[in-house]
Amino acid sequence: MKTNRRCRALLAVSLNLVALLFSTTAFITTYWCEGTQRVPKPNCGKDKKTNCLNYSGNETANETNHNVVHYSWETGDDRFLFRYFHTGIWYSCEENINTAGEKCRSFIDLAPASEKGVLWLSVVSEVLYIMLLVVGFSLMCLELFHSSSVIDGLKLNAFAAVFTVLSGLLGMVAHMMYTQVFQVTVSLGPEDWRPHSWDYGWSFCLAWGSFTCCMAASVTTLNSYTKTVIEFRHKRKIFEQGFREEQTFLDQEAIKYFRERSVQSGSGLMEVFVHATVSLRKSGLSHISVHLGEVLGTWGRAMLTRSP
């Protein structure tokens, strides 16, 4: 039983550690959602010859004379660029179309004013989620490596299960609130940021994978606690049943012993009574009626004499 309990505790610790690593990675990365944004192509110039609008006529003259009418043969989506972007809880980064690299801006500033409170609540829930995971992981490690008795292990196991379940619930709420805020920001966010197409990224998958591992760890911990308690109660029931059977056997032996002693005492008293009667008859006093009290007194004295 001890080996099985240790294996279950080790499994719960492993799942909790995976959940903690996944949640921390998702919290600090910016790949919760990713996609493309449609932005107008910049004008072609000396430093930019591709992915730009090339107007007819002399480019140099066009750049210096702003009164000249510019014409372009590109229409529809050809006039736009689709730049890659990815967004996390803290920042939204997008490809820089003029130079190499990316430019990032705060996602909290991009969210509509009506959703900022929900976004901050999501951030707080994520922090509490990670903190409760750390507490649950610490309690599980104490139960696995430093529990000196079964009772202490059960107490640590119960507290670890409670903290892990609470952390899982907070994580689920935080992920759902962030998803809601992002969807509202897609519709009501700044014009220069709104995505043309988007999907959930690997950070979002890590966040929900962390929630899954967290709930699996809590279920494993509760299962270990429940199974240990059931085994303990079963052993206690077997012990009490054996004790009752032994007590019943001892009681029957005691009853048998005192019953035999009482039979022996009764037979001895009868012998005394018969001997007294015969003596009276031999003495010629058989015609005298013997008082019942005297006989009982003689019986009682004989019982006191023979009783151990």
Protein backbone atom coordinates (compact mmCIF):
# COMPACT_ATOMS: atom_id res chain seq x y z
CA MET A 1 0.00 0.00 0.00
CA LYS A 2 2.81 2.39 0.86
CA THR A 3 4.44 1.85 -2.56
CA ASN A 4 1.18 2.54 -4.41
CA ARG A 5 0.55 5.67 -2.36
CA ARG A 6 4.06 6.91 -3.12
CA CYS A 7 3.59 6.28 -6.86
CA ARG A 8 0.33 8.25 -6.87
CA ALA A 9 1.98 11.11 -4.98
CA LEU A 10 4.87 11.14 -7.47
CA LEU A 11 2.42 11.25 -10.39
CA ALA A 12 0.54 14.18 -8.82
CA VAL A 13 3.80 16.08 -8.25
CA SER A 14 4.86 15.52 -11.87
CA LEU A 15 1.52 16.74 -13.26
CA ASN A 16 1.59 19.79 -11.01
CA LEU A 17 5.13 20.64 -12.11
CA VAL A 18 4.15 20.37 -15.79
CA ALA A 19 1.13 22.61 -15.16
CA LEU A 20 3.34 25.16 -13.42
CA LEU A 21 5.90 25.23 -16.25
CA PHE A 22 3.20 25.51 -18.93
CA SER A 23 1.33 28.30 -17.16
CA THR A 24 4.49 30.34 -16.50
CA THR A 25 5.63 29.99 -20.11
CA ALA A 26 2.22 31.01 -21.44
CA PHE A 27 2.04 33.99 -19.07
CA ILE A 28 5.31 35.57 -20.22
CA THR A 29 5.05 34.82 -23.97
CA THR A 30 3.12 36.69 -26.67
CA TYR A 31 1.71 33.87 -28.79
CA TRP A 32 -1.78 33.49 -27.36
CA CYS A 33 -3.28 34.68 -30.66
CA GLU A 34 -1.57 35.17 -34.00
CA GLY A 35 -2.58 36.05 -37.54
CA THR A 36 -2.28 38.73 -40.20
CA GLN A 37 -3.21 42.39 -40.43
CA ARG A 38 -4.09 44.12 -43.70
CA VAL A 39 -2.21 47.41 -44.02
CA PRO A 40 -1.77 49.71 -47.05
CA LYS A 41 1.45 49.33 -49.00
CA PRO A 42 3.92 52.16 -48.55
CA ASN A 43 5.08 54.24 -51.47
CA CYS A 44 8.11 53.00 -53.34
CA GLY A 45 11.25 55.04 -52.85
CA LYS A 46 15.00 54.89 -53.00
CA ASP A 47 15.27 52.50 -50.09
CA LYS A 48 12.19 50.42 -50.83
CA LYS A 49 11.63 48.76 -54.18
CA THR A 50 9.40 45.78 -53.31
CA ASN A 51 6.04 45.44 -51.57
CA CYS A 52 5.26 49.07 -52.27
CA LEU A 53 3.08 51.18 -54.54
CA ASN A 54 4.93 52.19 -57.72
CA TYR A 55 3.25 55.21 -59.22
CA SER A 56 3.65 56.11 -62.87
CA GLY A 57 6.03 58.88 -63.74
CA ASN A 58 9.26 60.07 -62.24
CA GLU A 59 9.52 58.79 -58.64
CA THR A 60 11.90 61.53 -57.61
CA ALA A 61 9.62 64.24 -58.93
CA ASN A 62 6.64 62.63 -57.34
CA GLU A 63 8.36 62.56 -53.98
CA THR A 64 9.27 66.26 -54.10
CA ASN A 65 6.14 67.69 -55.72
CA HIS A 66 3.07 66.99 -53.60
CA ASN A 67 0.70 68.63 -56.06
CA VAL A 68 1.28 65.98 -58.69
CA VAL A 69 -1.53 63.44 -59.04
CA HIS A 70 -0.31 59.90 -58.47
CA TYR A 71 -1.71 56.93 -60.39
CA SER A 72 -1.34 53.29 -59.57
CA TRP A 73 -2.46 50.27 -61.56
CA GLU A 74 -2.79 48.07 -58.44
CA THR A 75 -6.32 47.49 -57.21
CA GLY A 76 -8.07 45.43 -54.54
CA ASP A 77 -5.90 43.43 -52.18
CA ASP A 78 -2.86 44.24 -54.30
CA ARG A 79 -2.80 47.64 -52.65
CA PHE A 80 -2.38 46.08 -49.20
CA LEU A 81 0.22 44.09 -47.31
CA PHE A 82 -0.64 41.25 -44.93
CA ARG A 83 1.77 41.50 -42.07
CA TYR A 84 2.15 38.86 -39.37
CA PHE A 85 1.33 39.68 -35.74
CA HIS A 86 1.13 37.79 -32.45
CA THR A 87 -0.45 38.86 -29.17
CA GLY A 88 -0.10 37.83 -25.53
CA ILE A 89 -1.45 39.04 -22.23
CA TRP A 90 1.04 41.89 -21.99
CA TYR A 91 2.17 42.82 -25.52
CA SER A 92 1.09 42.65 -29.13
CA CYS A 93 3.96 42.44 -31.62
CA GLU A 94 3.67 42.91 -35.37
CA GLU A 95 6.01 42.68 -38.31
CA ASN A 96 7.69 45.90 -39.34
CA ILE A 97 7.03 46.45 -43.07
CA ASN A 98 9.62 49.19 -43.49
CA THR A 99 12.57 47.62 -41.71
CA ALA A 100 13.53 44.20 -40.40
CA GLY A 101 12.29 43.03 -37.03
CA GLU A 102 9.11 43.62 -35.07
CA LYS A 103 7.51 46.44 -33.17
CA CYS A 104 5.52 45.74 -30.01
CA ARG A 105 2.97 47.73 -28.07
CA SER A 106 1.04 47.10 -24.88
CA PHE A 107 -2.05 45.00 -25.37
CA ILE A 108 -3.61 46.63 -22.31
CA ASP A 109 -3.47 49.97 -24.16
CA LEU A 110 -5.02 48.38 -27.27
CA ALA A 111 -8.02 46.94 -25.40
CA PRO A 112 -11.20 49.04 -25.37
CA ALA A 113 -11.88 51.04 -22.22
CA SER A 114 -14.91 48.88 -21.42
CA GLU A 115 -12.71 45.74 -21.34
CA LYS A 116 -9.70 47.00 -19.41
CA GLY A 117 -11.19 45.99 -16.07
CA VAL A 118 -11.85 42.46 -17.31
CA LEU A 119 -8.33 42.26 -18.72
CA TRP A 120 -6.76 43.32 -15.42
CA LEU A 121 -8.96 40.79 -13.61
CA SER A 122 -7.67 38.15 -16.02
CA VAL A 123 -4.07 39.15 -15.24
CA VAL A 124 -4.69 38.95 -11.48
CA SER A 125 -6.35 35.56 -11.87
CA GLU A 126 -3.38 34.28 -13.87
CA VAL A 127 -0.97 35.43 -11.15
CA LEU A 128 -3.07 33.77 -8.43
CA TYR A 129 -3.29 30.64 -10.57
CA ILE A 130 0.49 30.37 -10.73
CA MET A 131 0.90 31.16 -7.03
CA LEU A 132 -1.59 28.48 -5.96
CA LEU A 133 0.14 26.01 -8.24
CA VAL A 134 3.40 26.77 -6.43
CA VAL A 135 1.70 26.23 -3.04
CA GLY A 136 0.15 22.95 -4.16
CA PHE A 137 3.46 21.76 -5.59
CA SER A 138 5.25 22.58 -2.31
CA LEU A 139 2.67 20.69 -0.23
CA MET A 140 2.89 17.67 -2.54
CA CYS A 141 6.68 17.64 -2.23
CA LEU A 142 6.40 17.80 1.56
CA GLU A 143 3.95 14.92 1.54
CA LEU A 144 6.19 12.90 -0.77
CA PHE A 145 9.58 13.43 0.89
CA HIS A 146 9.06 14.67 4.45
CA SER A 147 5.82 13.13 5.80
CA SER A 148 6.69 11.10 8.91
CA SER A 149 3.33 9.37 9.40
CA VAL A 150 0.22 8.43 7.48
CA ILE A 151 -1.90 11.02 9.30
CA ASP A 152 0.49 13.87 8.48
CA GLY A 153 0.62 12.68 4.86
CA LEU A 154 -3.18 12.69 4.64
CA LYS A 155 -3.36 16.25 6.00
CA LEU A 156 -0.80 17.50 3.49
CA ASN A 157 -2.55 15.56 0.74
CA ALA A 158 -5.89 17.16 1.53
CA PHE A 159 -4.50 20.72 1.60
CA ALA A 160 -2.59 20.12 -1.65
CA ALA A 161 -5.77 18.88 -3.35
CA VAL A 162 -7.74 21.94 -2.20
CA PHE A 163 -5.10 24.43 -3.40
CA THR A 164 -4.72 22.62 -6.73
CA VAL A 165 -8.46 22.60 -7.40
CA LEU A 166 -8.72 26.31 -6.57
CA SER A 167 -5.79 27.12 -8.86
CA GLY A 168 -7.39 25.18 -11.71
CA LEU A 169 -10.65 27.08 -11.34
CA LEU A 170 -8.84 30.43 -11.32
CA GLY A 171 -6.83 29.43 -14.39
CA MET A 172 -9.95 28.47 -16.30
CA VAL A 173 -11.64 31.78 -15.45
CA ALA A 174 -8.53 33.75 -16.42
CA HIS A 175 -8.20 32.05 -19.82
CA MET A 176 -11.87 32.58 -20.63
CA MET A 177 -11.75 36.26 -19.66
CA TYR A 178 -8.68 36.87 -21.83
CA THR A 179 -10.37 35.17 -24.79
CA GLN A 180 -13.39 37.42 -24.37
CA VAL A 181 -11.25 40.57 -24.17
CA PHE A 182 -9.28 39.64 -27.29
CA GLN A 183 -12.42 38.98 -29.32
CA VAL A 184 -13.89 42.34 -28.30
CA THR A 185 -10.58 44.06 -29.14
CA VAL A 186 -10.64 42.49 -32.61
CA SER A 187 -13.96 44.24 -33.25
CA LEU A 188 -13.51 47.50 -31.36
CA GLY A 189 -9.74 47.95 -31.21
CA PRO A 190 -7.67 50.54 -33.09
CA GLU A 191 -8.01 50.57 -36.86
CA ASP A 192 -4.29 50.11 -37.45
CA TRP A 193 -4.25 46.96 -35.30
CA ARG A 194 -7.43 45.05 -36.13
CA PRO A 195 -6.56 41.61 -37.56
CA HIS A 196 -7.59 40.51 -41.02
CA SER A 197 -7.46 36.87 -39.94
CA TRP A 198 -6.33 35.29 -36.68
CA ASP A 199 -6.20 32.05 -34.73
CA TYR A 200 -5.05 30.84 -31.33
CA GLY A 201 -1.31 30.26 -30.92
CA TRP A 202 0.88 27.85 -29.02
CA SER A 203 0.88 29.95 -25.83
CA PHE A 204 -2.90 29.60 -25.69
CA CYS A 205 -2.53 25.83 -26.11
CA LEU A 206 0.06 25.77 -23.32
CA ALA A 207 -2.31 27.69 -21.04
CA TRP A 208 -5.15 25.20 -21.50
CA GLY A 209 -2.68 22.30 -21.33
CA SER A 210 -1.58 23.69 -17.97
CA PHE A 211 -5.19 23.76 -16.81
CA THR A 212 -5.65 20.13 -17.92
CA CYS A 213 -2.51 18.98 -16.05
CA CYS A 214 -3.58 20.97 -13.00
CA MET A 215 -6.99 19.29 -12.83
CA ALA A 216 -5.39 15.88 -13.46
CA ALA A 217 -3.02 16.52 -10.53
CA SER A 218 -5.91 17.51 -8.28
CA VAL A 219 -7.91 14.41 -9.25
CA THR A 220 -4.87 12.20 -8.62
CA THR A 221 -4.30 13.82 -5.22
CA LEU A 222 -7.95 13.44 -4.21
CA ASN A 223 -7.90 9.83 -5.41
CA SER A 224 -4.80 9.12 -3.32
CA TYR A 225 -6.39 10.73 -0.26
CA THR A 226 -9.68 8.87 -0.68
CA LYS A 227 -8.03 5.51 -1.31
CA THR A 228 -5.74 5.88 1.72
CA VAL A 229 -8.69 6.76 3.97
CA ILE A 230 -10.73 3.80 2.67
CA GLU A 231 -7.83 1.40 3.21
CA PHE A 232 -7.28 2.77 6.71
CA ARG A 233 -10.96 2.37 7.61
CA HIS A 234 -11.03 -1.14 6.15
CA LYS A 235 -8.05 -2.21 8.26
CA ARG A 236 -9.62 -0.62 11.32
CA LYS A 237 -12.88 -2.48 10.69
CA ILE A 238 -11.03 -5.79 10.36
CA PHE A 239 -9.14 -5.08 13.61
CA GLU A 240 -12.33 -4.21 15.51
CA GLN A 241 -14.11 -7.30 14.16
CA GLY A 242 -11.24 -9.53 15.27
CA PHE A 243 -11.18 -7.84 18.68
CA ARG A 244 -14.93 -8.41 19.14
CA GLU A 245 -14.59 -12.08 18.19
CA GLU A 246 -11.74 -12.52 20.65
CA GLN A 247 -13.71 -10.72 23.36
CA THR A 248 -16.73 -12.95 22.72
CA PHE A 249 -14.54 -16.05 22.98
CA LEU A 250 -13.10 -14.83 26.30
CA ASP A 251 -16.59 -14.06 27.65
CA GLN A 252 -17.80 -17.55 26.76
CA GLU A 253 -14.80 -19.11 28.49
CA ALA A 254 -15.45 -17.01 31.57
CA ILE A 255 -19.13 -17.99 31.64
CA LYS A 256 -18.21 -21.65 31.28
CA TYR A 257 -15.65 -21.40 34.09
CA PHE A 258 -18.05 -19.75 36.58
CA ARG A 259 -20.82 -22.14 35.58
CA GLU A 260 -18.63 -25.14 36.43
CA ARG A 261 -17.59 -23.52 39.72
CA SER A 262 -21.21 -22.86 40.67
CA VAL A 263 -22.21 -26.50 39.94
CA GLN A 264 -19.38 -27.77 42.08
CA SER A 265 -20.38 -25.41 44.94
CA GLY A 266 -24.05 -26.47 44.68
CA SER A 267 -23.21 -30.19 44.83
CA GLY A 268 -21.03 -29.61 47.89
CA LEU A 269 -23.84 -27.79 49.65
CA MET A 270 -26.25 -30.59 48.93
CA GLU A 271 -23.78 -33.03 50.47
CA VAL A 272 -23.60 -30.89 53.61
CA PHE A 273 -27.39 -30.65 53.82
CA VAL A 274 -27.88 -34.43 53.46
CA HIS A 275 -25.17 -35.12 56.04
CA ALA A 276 -26.86 -32.79 58.52
CA THR A 277 -30.25 -34.50 58.01
CA VAL A 278 -28.83 -37.98 58.53
CA SER A 279 -27.13 -36.83 61.74
CA LEU A 280 -30.40 -35.53 63.10
CA ARG A 281 -32.21 -38.77 62.39
CA LYS A 282 -29.50 -40.84 64.06
CA SER A 283 -29.69 -38.71 67.15
CA GLY A 284 -33.39 -39.51 67.56
CA LEU A 285 -34.56 -35.98 66.94
CA SER A 286 -36.18 -36.67 63.60
CA HIS A 287 -39.55 -35.80 65.09
CA ILE A 288 -38.39 -32.27 65.72
CA SER A 289 -39.17 -29.98 62.77
CA VAL A 290 -36.17 -28.10 61.55
CA HIS A 291 -36.69 -24.41 61.02
CA LEU A 292 -36.17 -23.27 57.45
CA GLY A 293 -34.04 -20.35 58.59
CA GLU A 294 -31.58 -22.62 60.31
CA VAL A 295 -31.20 -24.78 57.20
CA LEU A 296 -30.62 -21.74 55.04
CA GLY A 297 -28.13 -20.40 57.53
CA THR A 298 -26.25 -23.70 57.46
CA TRP A 299 -26.28 -23.59 53.61
CA GLY A 300 -25.01 -20.06 53.54
CA ARG A 301 -22.13 -20.80 55.93
CA ALA A 302 -21.18 -23.81 53.86
CA MET A 303 -21.18 -21.70 50.69
CA LEU A 304 -18.89 -19.15 52.33
CA THR A 305 -16.58 -21.91 53.45
CA ARG A 306 -16.35 -23.55 49.99
CA SER A 307 -16.32 -20.48 47.81
CA PRO A 308 -12.74 -19.65 46.59
